[in-house]
PDB file of all heavy atoms in Angstrom:
ATOM      1  N   GLU A   1      -8.129   1.344   7.402  1.00  0.00           N
ATOM      2  CA  GLU A   1      -8.795   2.237   6.453  1.00  0.00           C
ATOM      3  C   GLU A   1      -9.370   1.483   5.294  1.00  0.00           C
ATOM      4  O   GLU A   1     -10.463   1.787   4.803  1.00  0.00           O
ATOM      5  CB  GLU A   1      -7.806   3.281   5.948  1.00  0.00           C
ATOM      6  CG  GLU A   1      -7.459   4.351   7.035  1.00  0.00           C
ATOM      7  CD  GLU A   1      -8.675   5.306   7.300  1.00  0.00           C
ATOM      8  OE1 GLU A   1      -9.711   5.312   6.584  1.00  0.00           O
ATOM      9  OE2 GLU A   1      -8.592   5.968   8.345  1.00  0.00           O
ATOM     10  N   ILE A   2      -8.622   0.461   4.800  1.00  0.00           N
ATOM     11  CA  ILE A   2      -9.115  -0.349   3.729  1.00  0.00           C
ATOM     12  C   ILE A   2     -10.369  -1.068   4.116  1.00  0.00           C
ATOM     13  O   ILE A   2     -11.360  -1.133   3.371  1.00  0.00           O
ATOM     14  CB  ILE A   2      -7.999  -1.349   3.186  1.00  0.00           C
ATOM     15  CG1 ILE A   2      -6.875  -0.638   2.438  1.00  0.00           C
ATOM     16  CG2 ILE A   2      -8.595  -2.407   2.337  1.00  0.00           C
ATOM     17  CD1 ILE A   2      -5.673  -1.409   2.135  1.00  0.00           C
ATOM     18  N   ALA A   3     -10.346  -1.625   5.341  1.00  0.00           N
ATOM     19  CA  ALA A   3     -11.536  -2.383   5.785  1.00  0.00           C
ATOM     20  C   ALA A   3     -12.759  -1.424   5.905  1.00  0.00           C
ATOM     21  O   ALA A   3     -13.917  -1.814   5.477  1.00  0.00           O
ATOM     22  CB  ALA A   3     -11.246  -3.037   7.140  1.00  0.00           C
ATOM     23  N   ALA A   4     -12.536  -0.237   6.460  1.00  0.00           N
ATOM     24  CA  ALA A   4     -13.629   0.667   6.596  1.00  0.00           C
ATOM     25  C   ALA A   4     -14.179   1.078   5.246  1.00  0.00           C
ATOM     26  O   ALA A   4     -15.392   1.179   5.044  1.00  0.00           O
ATOM     27  CB  ALA A   4     -13.184   1.979   7.344  1.00  0.00           C
ATOM     28  N   TYR A   5     -13.315   1.368   4.326  1.00  0.00           N
ATOM     29  CA  TYR A   5     -13.738   1.733   2.922  1.00  0.00           C
ATOM     30  C   TYR A   5     -14.534   0.611   2.313  1.00  0.00           C
ATOM     31  O   TYR A   5     -15.527   0.885   1.644  1.00  0.00           O
ATOM     32  CB  TYR A   5     -12.529   2.133   2.126  1.00  0.00           C
ATOM     33  CG  TYR A   5     -12.920   2.754   0.773  1.00  0.00           C
ATOM     34  CD1 TYR A   5     -13.297   4.069   0.683  1.00  0.00           C
ATOM     35  CD2 TYR A   5     -12.868   1.989  -0.331  1.00  0.00           C
ATOM     36  CE1 TYR A   5     -13.645   4.609  -0.503  1.00  0.00           C
ATOM     37  CE2 TYR A   5     -13.271   2.582  -1.542  1.00  0.00           C
ATOM     38  CZ  TYR A   5     -13.647   3.886  -1.643  1.00  0.00           C
ATOM     39  OH  TYR A   5     -14.024   4.356  -2.871  1.00  0.00           O
ATOM     40  N   ARG A   6     -14.093  -0.583   2.451  1.00  0.00           N
ATOM     41  CA  ARG A   6     -14.769  -1.708   1.776  1.00  0.00           C
ATOM     42  C   ARG A   6     -16.146  -2.007   2.364  1.00  0.00           C
ATOM     43  O   ARG A   6     -17.001  -2.494   1.616  1.00  0.00           O
ATOM     44  CB  ARG A   6     -13.855  -3.046   1.921  1.00  0.00           C
ATOM     45  CG  ARG A   6     -12.551  -2.871   0.995  1.00  0.00           C
ATOM     46  CD  ARG A   6     -11.683  -4.117   1.177  1.00  0.00           C
ATOM     47  NE  ARG A   6     -12.417  -5.312   0.663  1.00  0.00           N
ATOM     48  CZ  ARG A   6     -12.246  -5.853  -0.463  1.00  0.00           C
ATOM     49  NH1 ARG A   6     -11.333  -5.428  -1.282  1.00  0.00           N
ATOM     50  NH2 ARG A   6     -12.885  -6.926  -0.769  1.00  0.00           N
ATOM     51  N   VAL A   7     -16.408  -1.630   3.606  1.00  0.00           N
ATOM     52  CA  VAL A   7     -17.737  -1.833   4.161  1.00  0.00           C
ATOM     53  C   VAL A   7     -18.611  -0.572   3.988  1.00  0.00           C
ATOM     54  O   VAL A   7     -19.755  -0.515   4.480  1.00  0.00           O
ATOM     55  CB  VAL A   7     -17.700  -2.317   5.624  1.00  0.00           C
ATOM     56  CG1 VAL A   7     -17.032  -3.703   5.721  1.00  0.00           C
ATOM     57  CG2 VAL A   7     -17.103  -1.293   6.569  1.00  0.00           C
ATOM     58  N   GLY A   8     -18.050   0.448   3.416  1.00  0.00           N
ATOM     59  CA  GLY A   8     -18.871   1.652   3.099  1.00  0.00           C
ATOM     60  C   GLY A   8     -18.822   2.749   4.136  1.00  0.00           C
ATOM     61  O   GLY A   8     -19.544   3.737   4.079  1.00  0.00           O
ATOM     62  N   THR A   9     -17.965   2.565   5.144  1.00  0.00           N
ATOM     63  CA  THR A   9     -17.870   3.588   6.230  1.00  0.00           C
ATOM     64  C   THR A   9     -16.572   4.418   6.165  1.00  0.00           C
ATOM     65  O   THR A   9     -16.392   5.356   6.906  1.00  0.00           O
ATOM     66  CB  THR A   9     -18.016   2.961   7.661  1.00  0.00           C
ATOM     67  OG1 THR A   9     -16.905   2.079   7.789  1.00  0.00           O
ATOM     68  CG2 THR A   9     -19.281   2.231   7.807  1.00  0.00           C
ATOM     69  N   GLY A  10     -15.767   4.098   5.215  1.00  0.00           N
ATOM     70  CA  GLY A  10     -14.507   4.776   5.099  1.00  0.00           C
ATOM     71  C   GLY A  10     -14.629   6.117   4.284  1.00  0.00           C
ATOM     72  O   GLY A  10     -15.592   6.323   3.595  1.00  0.00           O
ATOM     73  N   ASP A  11     -13.584   6.920   4.368  1.00  0.00           N
ATOM     74  CA  ASP A  11     -13.516   8.202   3.627  1.00  0.00           C
ATOM     75  C   ASP A  11     -12.378   8.048   2.627  1.00  0.00           C
ATOM     76  O   ASP A  11     -11.255   7.763   2.966  1.00  0.00           O
ATOM     77  CB  ASP A  11     -13.234   9.261   4.639  1.00  0.00           C
ATOM     78  CG  ASP A  11     -12.986  10.548   3.945  1.00  0.00           C
ATOM     79  OD1 ASP A  11     -14.007  11.265   3.564  1.00  0.00           O
ATOM     80  OD2 ASP A  11     -11.788  10.991   3.765  1.00  0.00           O
ATOM     81  N   PRO A  12     -12.663   8.273   1.288  1.00  0.00           N
ATOM     82  CA  PRO A  12     -11.603   8.188   0.253  1.00  0.00           C
ATOM     83  C   PRO A  12     -10.388   8.985   0.618  1.00  0.00           C
ATOM     84  O   PRO A  12      -9.215   8.597   0.369  1.00  0.00           O
ATOM     85  CB  PRO A  12     -12.275   8.658  -1.015  1.00  0.00           C
ATOM     86  CG  PRO A  12     -13.787   8.539  -0.714  1.00  0.00           C
ATOM     87  CD  PRO A  12     -13.927   8.731   0.746  1.00  0.00           C
ATOM     88  N   GLY A  13     -10.540  10.254   1.112  1.00  0.00           N
ATOM     89  CA  GLY A  13      -9.404  11.095   1.422  1.00  0.00           C
ATOM     90  C   GLY A  13      -8.520  10.531   2.483  1.00  0.00           C
ATOM     91  O   GLY A  13      -7.304  10.511   2.399  1.00  0.00           O
ATOM     92  N   ARG A  14      -9.175   9.977   3.542  1.00  0.00           N
ATOM     93  CA  ARG A  14      -8.411   9.392   4.620  1.00  0.00           C
ATOM     94  C   ARG A  14      -7.738   8.164   4.187  1.00  0.00           C
ATOM     95  O   ARG A  14      -6.577   7.861   4.508  1.00  0.00           O
ATOM     96  CB  ARG A  14      -9.365   9.023   5.775  1.00  0.00           C
ATOM     97  CG  ARG A  14      -9.562  10.069   6.811  1.00  0.00           C
ATOM     98  CD  ARG A  14     -10.146   9.562   8.113  1.00  0.00           C
ATOM     99  NE  ARG A  14     -11.004   8.423   8.023  1.00  0.00           N
ATOM    100  CZ  ARG A  14     -12.351   8.451   7.994  1.00  0.00           C
ATOM    101  NH1 ARG A  14     -12.969   9.658   8.082  1.00  0.00           N
ATOM    102  NH2 ARG A  14     -13.059   7.375   7.903  1.00  0.00           N
ATOM    103  N   LEU A  15      -8.358   7.355   3.259  1.00  0.00           N
ATOM    104  CA  LEU A  15      -7.734   6.166   2.716  1.00  0.00           C
ATOM    105  C   LEU A  15      -6.480   6.485   1.957  1.00  0.00           C
ATOM    106  O   LEU A  15      -5.446   5.878   2.221  1.00  0.00           O
ATOM    107  CB  LEU A  15      -8.773   5.425   1.799  1.00  0.00           C
ATOM    108  CG  LEU A  15      -8.246   4.163   1.140  1.00  0.00           C
ATOM    109  CD1 LEU A  15      -7.817   3.097   2.126  1.00  0.00           C
ATOM    110  CD2 LEU A  15      -9.308   3.628   0.162  1.00  0.00           C
ATOM    111  N   VAL A  16      -6.587   7.421   1.077  1.00  0.00           N
ATOM    112  CA  VAL A  16      -5.414   7.788   0.189  1.00  0.00           C
ATOM    113  C   VAL A  16      -4.353   8.411   1.141  1.00  0.00           C
ATOM    114  O   VAL A  16      -3.126   8.136   0.951  1.00  0.00           O
ATOM    115  CB  VAL A  16      -5.788   8.780  -0.877  1.00  0.00           C
ATOM    116  CG1 VAL A  16      -4.585   9.334  -1.624  1.00  0.00           C
ATOM    117  CG2 VAL A  16      -6.716   8.071  -1.889  1.00  0.00           C
ATOM    118  N   GLY A  17      -4.733   9.182   2.107  1.00  0.00           N
ATOM    119  CA  GLY A  17      -3.736   9.751   3.035  1.00  0.00           C
ATOM    120  C   GLY A  17      -3.039   8.698   3.846  1.00  0.00           C
ATOM    121  O   GLY A  17      -1.778   8.740   3.971  1.00  0.00           O
ATOM    122  N   GLU A  18      -3.706   7.722   4.298  1.00  0.00           N
ATOM    123  CA  GLU A  18      -3.056   6.607   5.021  1.00  0.00           C
ATOM    124  C   GLU A  18      -2.170   5.798   4.141  1.00  0.00           C
ATOM    125  O   GLU A  18      -1.147   5.390   4.511  1.00  0.00           O
ATOM    126  CB  GLU A  18      -4.156   5.775   5.745  1.00  0.00           C
ATOM    127  CG  GLU A  18      -3.562   4.950   6.826  1.00  0.00           C
ATOM    128  CD  GLU A  18      -2.847   5.649   7.917  1.00  0.00           C
ATOM    129  OE1 GLU A  18      -3.403   6.688   8.414  1.00  0.00           O
ATOM    130  OE2 GLU A  18      -1.787   5.220   8.296  1.00  0.00           O
ATOM    131  N   PHE A  19      -2.679   5.561   2.907  1.00  0.00           N
ATOM    132  CA  PHE A  19      -1.820   4.843   1.898  1.00  0.00           C
ATOM    133  C   PHE A  19      -0.547   5.644   1.751  1.00  0.00           C
ATOM    134  O   PHE A  19       0.525   5.018   1.764  1.00  0.00           O
ATOM    135  CB  PHE A  19      -2.597   4.710   0.610  1.00  0.00           C
ATOM    136  CG  PHE A  19      -1.684   4.365  -0.589  1.00  0.00           C
ATOM    137  CD1 PHE A  19      -1.241   3.039  -0.703  1.00  0.00           C
ATOM    138  CD2 PHE A  19      -1.359   5.248  -1.503  1.00  0.00           C
ATOM    139  CE1 PHE A  19      -0.427   2.708  -1.717  1.00  0.00           C
ATOM    140  CE2 PHE A  19      -0.567   4.946  -2.591  1.00  0.00           C
ATOM    141  CZ  PHE A  19      -0.055   3.644  -2.725  1.00  0.00           C
ATOM    142  N   ARG A  20      -0.566   6.940   1.569  1.00  0.00           N
ATOM    143  CA  ARG A  20       0.649   7.708   1.278  1.00  0.00           C
ATOM    144  C   ARG A  20       1.598   7.688   2.481  1.00  0.00           C
ATOM    145  O   ARG A  20       2.841   7.634   2.313  1.00  0.00           O
ATOM    146  CB  ARG A  20       0.297   9.141   0.964  1.00  0.00           C
ATOM    147  CG  ARG A  20      -0.440   9.253  -0.407  1.00  0.00           C
ATOM    148  CD  ARG A  20      -0.693  10.691  -0.765  1.00  0.00           C
ATOM    149  NE  ARG A  20       0.546  11.538  -0.914  1.00  0.00           N
ATOM    150  CZ  ARG A  20       1.377  11.454  -1.946  1.00  0.00           C
ATOM    151  NH1 ARG A  20       1.098  10.699  -2.975  1.00  0.00           N
ATOM    152  NH2 ARG A  20       2.471  12.221  -1.978  1.00  0.00           N
ATOM    153  N   ARG A  21       1.031   7.604   3.699  1.00  0.00           N
ATOM    154  CA  ARG A  21       1.896   7.597   4.938  1.00  0.00           C
ATOM    155  C   ARG A  21       2.426   6.235   5.288  1.00  0.00           C
ATOM    156  O   ARG A  21       3.335   6.096   6.039  1.00  0.00           O
ATOM    157  CB  ARG A  21       1.096   8.170   6.106  1.00  0.00           C
ATOM    158  CG  ARG A  21       0.887   9.682   6.023  1.00  0.00           C
ATOM    159  CD  ARG A  21       0.213  10.147   7.326  1.00  0.00           C
ATOM    160  NE  ARG A  21      -1.141   9.670   7.485  1.00  0.00           N
ATOM    161  CZ  ARG A  21      -2.233  10.209   6.895  1.00  0.00           C
ATOM    162  NH1 ARG A  21      -2.088  11.293   6.149  1.00  0.00           N
ATOM    163  NH2 ARG A  21      -3.398   9.745   7.076  1.00  0.00           N
ATOM    164  N   ALA A  22       1.773   5.218   4.776  1.00  0.00           N
ATOM    165  CA  ALA A  22       2.111   3.810   5.201  1.00  0.00           C
ATOM    166  C   ALA A  22       3.426   3.355   4.670  1.00  0.00           C
ATOM    167  O   ALA A  22       3.764   3.619   3.517  1.00  0.00           O
ATOM    168  CB  ALA A  22       0.988   2.864   4.752  1.00  0.00           C
ATOM    169  N   VAL A  23       4.196   2.645   5.459  1.00  0.00           N
ATOM    170  CA  VAL A  23       5.394   1.988   4.993  1.00  0.00           C
ATOM    171  C   VAL A  23       4.912   0.622   4.419  1.00  0.00           C
ATOM    172  O   VAL A  23       4.386  -0.166   5.185  1.00  0.00           O
ATOM    173  CB  VAL A  23       6.491   1.784   6.152  1.00  0.00           C
ATOM    174  CG1 VAL A  23       7.647   0.958   5.585  1.00  0.00           C
ATOM    175  CG2 VAL A  23       6.954   3.107   6.647  1.00  0.00           C
ATOM    176  N   LEU A  24       5.131   0.394   3.132  1.00  0.00           N
ATOM    177  CA  LEU A  24       4.644  -0.797   2.487  1.00  0.00           C
ATOM    178  C   LEU A  24       5.821  -1.714   2.130  1.00  0.00           C
ATOM    179  O   LEU A  24       6.936  -1.285   2.045  1.00  0.00           O
ATOM    180  CB  LEU A  24       3.879  -0.456   1.217  1.00  0.00           C
ATOM    181  CG  LEU A  24       2.595   0.386   1.428  1.00  0.00           C
ATOM    182  CD1 LEU A  24       2.142   1.022   0.134  1.00  0.00           C
ATOM    183  CD2 LEU A  24       1.574  -0.382   2.184  1.00  0.00           C
ATOM    184  N   ILE A  25       5.505  -2.966   2.021  1.00  0.00           N
ATOM    185  CA  ILE A  25       6.461  -4.033   1.620  1.00  0.00           C
ATOM    186  C   ILE A  25       6.271  -4.211   0.119  1.00  0.00           C
ATOM    187  O   ILE A  25       5.133  -4.646  -0.266  1.00  0.00           O
ATOM    188  CB  ILE A  25       6.279  -5.311   2.483  1.00  0.00           C
ATOM    189  CG1 ILE A  25       6.650  -4.989   3.947  1.00  0.00           C
ATOM    190  CG2 ILE A  25       7.122  -6.382   1.818  1.00  0.00           C
ATOM    191  CD1 ILE A  25       6.350  -6.121   4.850  1.00  0.00           C
ATOM    192  N   ALA A  26       7.237  -3.955  -0.687  1.00  0.00           N
ATOM    193  CA  ALA A  26       7.144  -4.155  -2.114  1.00  0.00           C
ATOM    194  C   ALA A  26       8.193  -5.221  -2.469  1.00  0.00           C
ATOM    195  O   ALA A  26       9.373  -4.992  -2.473  1.00  0.00           O
ATOM    196  CB  ALA A  26       7.476  -2.812  -2.852  1.00  0.00           C
ATOM    197  N   PRO A  27       7.716  -6.402  -2.915  1.00  0.00           N
ATOM    198  CA  PRO A  27       8.652  -7.467  -3.280  1.00  0.00           C
ATOM    199  C   PRO A  27       9.400  -7.083  -4.521  1.00  0.00           C
ATOM    200  O   PRO A  27       8.949  -6.383  -5.397  1.00  0.00           O
ATOM    201  CB  PRO A  27       7.692  -8.676  -3.593  1.00  0.00           C
ATOM    202  CG  PRO A  27       6.350  -8.113  -3.829  1.00  0.00           C
ATOM    203  CD  PRO A  27       6.282  -6.755  -3.103  1.00  0.00           C
ATOM    204  N   LEU A  28      10.640  -7.606  -4.586  1.00  0.00           N
ATOM    205  CA  LEU A  28      11.526  -7.313  -5.714  1.00  0.00           C
ATOM    206  C   LEU A  28      11.343  -8.340  -6.791  1.00  0.00           C
ATOM    207  O   LEU A  28      11.069  -9.543  -6.587  1.00  0.00           O
ATOM    208  CB  LEU A  28      13.027  -7.395  -5.260  1.00  0.00           C
ATOM    209  CG  LEU A  28      13.345  -6.366  -4.114  1.00  0.00           C
ATOM    210  CD1 LEU A  28      14.745  -6.522  -3.646  1.00  0.00           C
ATOM    211  CD2 LEU A  28      13.168  -4.999  -4.616  1.00  0.00           C
ATOM    212  N   ALA A  29      11.333  -7.858  -8.048  1.00  0.00           N
ATOM    213  CA  ALA A  29      11.084  -8.740  -9.198  1.00  0.00           C
ATOM    214  C   ALA A  29      12.211  -9.709  -9.323  1.00  0.00           C
ATOM    215  O   ALA A  29      13.410  -9.413  -9.095  1.00  0.00           O
ATOM    216  CB  ALA A  29      11.046  -7.855 -10.404  1.00  0.00           C
ATOM    217  N   GLY A  30      11.874 -10.953  -9.621  1.00  0.00           N
ATOM    218  CA  GLY A  30      12.880 -11.965  -9.762  1.00  0.00           C
ATOM    219  C   GLY A  30      13.628 -12.349  -8.506  1.00  0.00           C
ATOM    220  O   GLY A  30      14.626 -13.104  -8.604  1.00  0.00           O
ATOM    221  N   GLY A  31      13.136 -11.942  -7.376  1.00  0.00           N
ATOM    222  CA  GLY A  31      13.850 -12.264  -6.142  1.00  0.00           C
ATOM    223  C   GLY A  31      15.230 -11.667  -5.967  1.00  0.00           C
ATOM    224  O   GLY A  31      15.984 -12.125  -5.238  1.00  0.00           O
ATOM    225  N   SER A  32      15.521 -10.632  -6.716  1.00  0.00           N
ATOM    226  CA  SER A  32      16.825 -10.015  -6.710  1.00  0.00           C
ATOM    227  C   SER A  32      17.063  -9.294  -5.424  1.00  0.00           C
ATOM    228  O   SER A  32      16.323  -8.267  -5.157  1.00  0.00           O
ATOM    229  CB  SER A  32      16.958  -9.077  -7.917  1.00  0.00           C
ATOM    230  OG  SER A  32      18.170  -8.337  -7.829  1.00  0.00           O
ATOM    231  N   VAL A  33      18.028  -9.673  -4.651  1.00  0.00           N
ATOM    232  CA  VAL A  33      18.367  -8.994  -3.418  1.00  0.00           C
ATOM    233  C   VAL A  33      18.936  -7.650  -3.634  1.00  0.00           C
ATOM    234  O   VAL A  33      18.641  -6.698  -2.805  1.00  0.00           O
ATOM    235  CB  VAL A  33      19.328  -9.850  -2.593  1.00  0.00           C
ATOM    236  CG1 VAL A  33      19.760  -9.142  -1.259  1.00  0.00           C
ATOM    237  CG2 VAL A  33      18.706 -11.202  -2.236  1.00  0.00           C
ATOM    238  N   ASP A  34      19.634  -7.422  -4.739  1.00  0.00           N
ATOM    239  CA  ASP A  34      20.235  -6.108  -5.004  1.00  0.00           C
ATOM    240  C   ASP A  34      19.236  -5.169  -5.635  1.00  0.00           C
ATOM    241  O   ASP A  34      19.555  -3.996  -5.864  1.00  0.00           O
ATOM    242  CB  ASP A  34      21.455  -6.181  -5.832  1.00  0.00           C
ATOM    243  CG  ASP A  34      21.262  -6.732  -7.222  1.00  0.00           C
ATOM    244  OD1 ASP A  34      20.084  -6.908  -7.623  1.00  0.00           O
ATOM    245  OD2 ASP A  34      22.233  -6.990  -7.934  1.00  0.00           O
ATOM    246  N   GLY A  35      18.031  -5.647  -5.960  1.00  0.00           N
ATOM    247  CA  GLY A  35      16.976  -4.801  -6.542  1.00  0.00           C
ATOM    248  C   GLY A  35      17.202  -4.449  -7.989  1.00  0.00           C
ATOM    249  O   GLY A  35      16.490  -3.711  -8.556  1.00  0.00           O
ATOM    250  N   ALA A  36      18.144  -5.174  -8.621  1.00  0.00           N
ATOM    251  CA  ALA A  36      18.371  -4.838 -10.065  1.00  0.00           C
ATOM    252  C   ALA A  36      17.236  -5.113 -10.925  1.00  0.00           C
ATOM    253  O   ALA A  36      17.092  -4.561 -11.964  1.00  0.00           O
ATOM    254  CB  ALA A  36      19.641  -5.691 -10.506  1.00  0.00           C
ATOM    255  N   GLY A  37      16.352  -6.047 -10.535  1.00  0.00           N
ATOM    256  CA  GLY A  37      15.184  -6.399 -11.323  1.00  0.00           C
ATOM    257  C   GLY A  37      14.002  -5.429 -11.062  1.00  0.00           C
ATOM    258  O   GLY A  37      13.017  -5.526 -11.794  1.00  0.00           O
ATOM    259  N   GLY A  38      14.131  -4.506 -10.194  1.00  0.00           N
ATOM    260  CA  GLY A  38      13.012  -3.624  -9.877  1.00  0.00           C
ATOM    261  C   GLY A  38      11.980  -4.174  -9.007  1.00  0.00           C
ATOM    262  O   GLY A  38      12.159  -5.224  -8.388  1.00  0.00           O
TER     263      GLY A  38
END
């Protein structure tokens, strides 16, 4: 969806919908395994 949007063929609503449904990887601040750093 990001690729399609970037080349001008994507739909903003589909892009945001896919973003909301996607499981993303969010790194932890300071490399904290317990997540205390957010």
